[in-house]
Amino acid sequence: MNLNSLSPKELEQVAQSLKAVAHPNRILIITLLSKHKRLSVGEICERTGFAQPLVSHHVLDMHAKGILALERDGRNAYYSLADSKSLRILRIATEIQPINNE
């Protein structure tokens, strides 16, 4: 992808993707899903210590934005990464060093 040739619509899509993962709790959830492939809200709560309503809010929003996939198995719902883009974004972000303005 050449950043110089992106249309305004494509730029907006990139910004929305970045916004969708730009929260410490979401980064942790994505990291967990990269390691465990598929987890329920309850399993995410157990591994993070976050309250169920908080986890539900984050996973539902990330699912709506195409970051997470949802698979139902009877009454159980399991989330997984929809694709590897979010994980690639986070890997790149961790390589960026803060700019020291001193």
C-alpha atoms as a PDB file:
ATOM      1  CA  MET A   1       0.000   0.000   0.000  1.00  0.00           C
ATOM      2  CA  ASN A   2       1.403   3.335  -1.050  1.00  0.00           C
ATOM      3  CA  LEU A   3       0.336   5.985   1.451  1.00  0.00           C
ATOM      4  CA  ASN A   4       0.748   8.731  -1.155  1.00  0.00           C
ATOM      5  CA  SER A   5      -1.903   7.201  -3.393  1.00  0.00           C
ATOM      6  CA  LEU A   6      -4.659   6.645  -0.814  1.00  0.00           C
ATOM      7  CA  SER A   7      -8.007   8.242  -1.462  1.00  0.00           C
ATOM      8  CA  PRO A   8      -9.732  10.244   1.290  1.00  0.00           C
ATOM      9  CA  LYS A   9     -12.041   7.258   1.875  1.00  0.00           C
ATOM     10  CA  GLU A  10      -9.083   4.883   2.224  1.00  0.00           C
ATOM     11  CA  LEU A  11      -7.367   7.302   4.614  1.00  0.00           C
ATOM     12  CA  GLU A  12     -10.524   7.347   6.736  1.00  0.00           C
ATOM     13  CA  GLN A  13     -10.575   3.537   6.783  1.00  0.00           C
ATOM     14  CA  VAL A  14      -6.958   3.465   7.996  1.00  0.00           C
ATOM     15  CA  ALA A  15      -7.792   5.989  10.722  1.00  0.00           C
ATOM     16  CA  GLN A  16     -10.820   3.947  11.823  1.00  0.00           C
ATOM     17  CA  SER A  17      -8.706   0.787  12.048  1.00  0.00           C
ATOM     18  CA  LEU A  18      -6.165   2.579  14.207  1.00  0.00           C
ATOM     19  CA  LYS A  19      -8.896   4.004  16.456  1.00  0.00           C
ATOM     20  CA  ALA A  20     -10.476   0.569  16.843  1.00  0.00           C
ATOM     21  CA  VAL A  21      -7.358  -0.864  18.479  1.00  0.00           C
ATOM     22  CA  ALA A  22      -6.029   2.278  20.204  1.00  0.00           C
ATOM     23  CA  HIS A  23      -6.871   1.341  23.777  1.00  0.00           C
ATOM     24  CA  PRO A  24      -4.749  -0.602  26.290  1.00  0.00           C
ATOM     25  CA  ASN A  25      -7.570  -3.062  27.069  1.00  0.00           C
ATOM     26  CA  ARG A  26      -8.161  -3.737  23.382  1.00  0.00           C
ATOM     27  CA  ILE A  27      -4.460  -4.255  22.784  1.00  0.00           C
ATOM     28  CA  LEU A  28      -4.423  -6.834  25.582  1.00  0.00           C
ATOM     29  CA  ILE A  29      -7.504  -8.603  24.189  1.00  0.00           C
ATOM     30  CA  ILE A  30      -5.984  -8.733  20.688  1.00  0.00           C
ATOM     31  CA  THR A  31      -2.723 -10.054  22.131  1.00  0.00           C
ATOM     32  CA  LEU A  32      -4.592 -12.777  24.029  1.00  0.00           C
ATOM     33  CA  LEU A  33      -6.511 -13.777  20.918  1.00  0.00           C
ATOM     34  CA  SER A  34      -3.279 -13.969  18.929  1.00  0.00           C
ATOM     35  CA  LYS A  35      -1.999 -16.528  21.447  1.00  0.00           C
ATOM     36  CA  HIS A  36      -5.196 -18.487  22.121  1.00  0.00           C
ATOM     37  CA  LYS A  37      -6.889 -18.166  18.701  1.00  0.00           C
ATOM     38  CA  ARG A  38     -10.442 -18.286  20.103  1.00  0.00           C
ATOM     39  CA  LEU A  39     -11.796 -17.188  23.473  1.00  0.00           C
ATOM     40  CA  SER A  40     -15.179 -16.524  25.047  1.00  0.00           C
ATOM     41  CA  VAL A  41     -15.910 -13.312  26.943  1.00  0.00           C
ATOM     42  CA  GLY A  42     -15.673 -15.291  30.186  1.00  0.00           C
ATOM     43  CA  GLU A  43     -12.257 -16.656  29.255  1.00  0.00           C
ATOM     44  CA  ILE A  44     -11.043 -13.167  28.355  1.00  0.00           C
ATOM     45  CA  CYS A  45     -12.325 -11.926  31.739  1.00  0.00           C
ATOM     46  CA  GLU A  46     -10.453 -14.707  33.557  1.00  0.00           C
ATOM     47  CA  ARG A  47      -7.190 -13.970  31.767  1.00  0.00           C
ATOM     48  CA  THR A  48      -7.362 -10.172  32.072  1.00  0.00           C
ATOM     49  CA  GLY A  49      -9.174  -9.645  35.353  1.00  0.00           C
ATOM     50  CA  PHE A  50     -11.519  -7.216  33.576  1.00  0.00           C
ATOM     51  CA  ALA A  51     -15.223  -7.136  34.396  1.00  0.00           C
ATOM     52  CA  GLN A  52     -17.572  -8.878  31.962  1.00  0.00           C
ATOM     53  CA  PRO A  53     -19.409  -5.688  30.869  1.00  0.00           C
ATOM     54  CA  LEU A  54     -16.086  -4.039  29.982  1.00  0.00           C
ATOM     55  CA  VAL A  55     -14.886  -7.021  27.939  1.00  0.00           C
ATOM     56  CA  SER A  56     -18.267  -7.337  26.219  1.00  0.00           C
ATOM     57  CA  HIS A  57     -18.176  -3.665  25.259  1.00  0.00           C
ATOM     58  CA  HIS A  58     -14.699  -3.937  23.747  1.00  0.00           C
ATOM     59  CA  VAL A  59     -15.237  -7.196  21.854  1.00  0.00           C
ATOM     60  CA  LEU A  60     -18.629  -6.132  20.481  1.00  0.00           C
ATOM     61  CA  ASP A  61     -17.188  -2.857  19.213  1.00  0.00           C
ATOM     62  CA  MET A  62     -14.131  -4.526  17.694  1.00  0.00           C
ATOM     63  CA  HIS A  63     -16.399  -7.118  16.068  1.00  0.00           C
ATOM     64  CA  ALA A  64     -18.592  -4.362  14.613  1.00  0.00           C
ATOM     65  CA  LYS A  65     -15.462  -2.705  13.185  1.00  0.00           C
ATOM     66  CA  GLY A  66     -14.213  -5.923  11.597  1.00  0.00           C
ATOM     67  CA  ILE A  67     -11.285  -6.471  13.959  1.00  0.00           C
ATOM     68  CA  LEU A  68     -12.722  -9.595  15.596  1.00  0.00           C
ATOM     69  CA  ALA A  69     -14.697 -12.522  14.216  1.00  0.00           C
ATOM     70  CA  LEU A  70     -17.549 -14.073  16.173  1.00  0.00           C
ATOM     71  CA  GLU A  71     -18.338 -17.793  16.194  1.00  0.00           C
ATOM     72  CA  ARG A  72     -21.346 -19.205  17.990  1.00  0.00           C
ATOM     73  CA  ASP A  73     -21.349 -22.722  19.384  1.00  0.00           C
ATOM     74  CA  GLY A  74     -24.788 -23.305  20.854  1.00  0.00           C
ATOM     75  CA  ARG A  75     -25.250 -20.705  23.568  1.00  0.00           C
ATOM     76  CA  ASN A  76     -21.547 -19.884  23.673  1.00  0.00           C
ATOM     77  CA  ALA A  77     -19.918 -17.094  21.672  1.00  0.00           C
ATOM     78  CA  TYR A  78     -16.220 -17.157  20.843  1.00  0.00           C
ATOM     79  CA  TYR A  79     -14.114 -14.328  19.497  1.00  0.00           C
ATOM     80  CA  SER A  80     -11.030 -14.575  17.340  1.00  0.00           C
ATOM     81  CA  LEU A  81      -8.992 -12.192  15.227  1.00  0.00           C
ATOM     82  CA  ALA A  82     -10.791 -11.547  11.942  1.00  0.00           C
ATOM     83  CA  ASP A  83      -7.427 -11.375  10.171  1.00  0.00           C
ATOM     84  CA  SER A  84      -3.810 -10.582  10.943  1.00  0.00           C
ATOM     85  CA  LYS A  85      -4.012  -6.840  10.168  1.00  0.00           C
ATOM     86  CA  SER A  86      -4.666  -5.752  13.756  1.00  0.00           C
ATOM     87  CA  LEU A  87      -1.809  -7.847  15.040  1.00  0.00           C
ATOM     88  CA  ARG A  88       0.510  -6.369  12.400  1.00  0.00           C
ATOM     89  CA  ILE A  89      -0.576  -2.855  13.428  1.00  0.00           C
ATOM     90  CA  LEU A  90       0.274  -3.613  17.058  1.00  0.00           C
ATOM     91  CA  ARG A  91       3.629  -5.169  16.192  1.00  0.00           C
ATOM     92  CA  ILE A  92       4.597  -2.086  14.197  1.00  0.00           C
ATOM     93  CA  ALA A  93       3.366   0.218  16.958  1.00  0.00           C
ATOM     94  CA  THR A  94       5.544  -1.534  19.546  1.00  0.00           C
ATOM     95  CA  GLU A  95       8.603  -0.869  17.367  1.00  0.00           C
ATOM     96  CA  ILE A  96       7.967   2.881  17.332  1.00  0.00           C
ATOM     97  CA  GLN A  97      10.047   4.680  19.905  1.00  0.00           C
ATOM     98  CA  PRO A  98       8.676   7.786  21.608  1.00  0.00           C
ATOM     99  CA  ILE A  99      10.095  11.023  20.294  1.00  0.00           C
ATOM    100  CA  ASN A 100      12.144  12.801  22.920  1.00  0.00           C
ATOM    101  CA  ASN A 101      11.531  16.553  22.529  1.00  0.00           C
ATOM    102  CA  GLU A 102      14.102  17.617  25.076  1.00  0.00           C
END
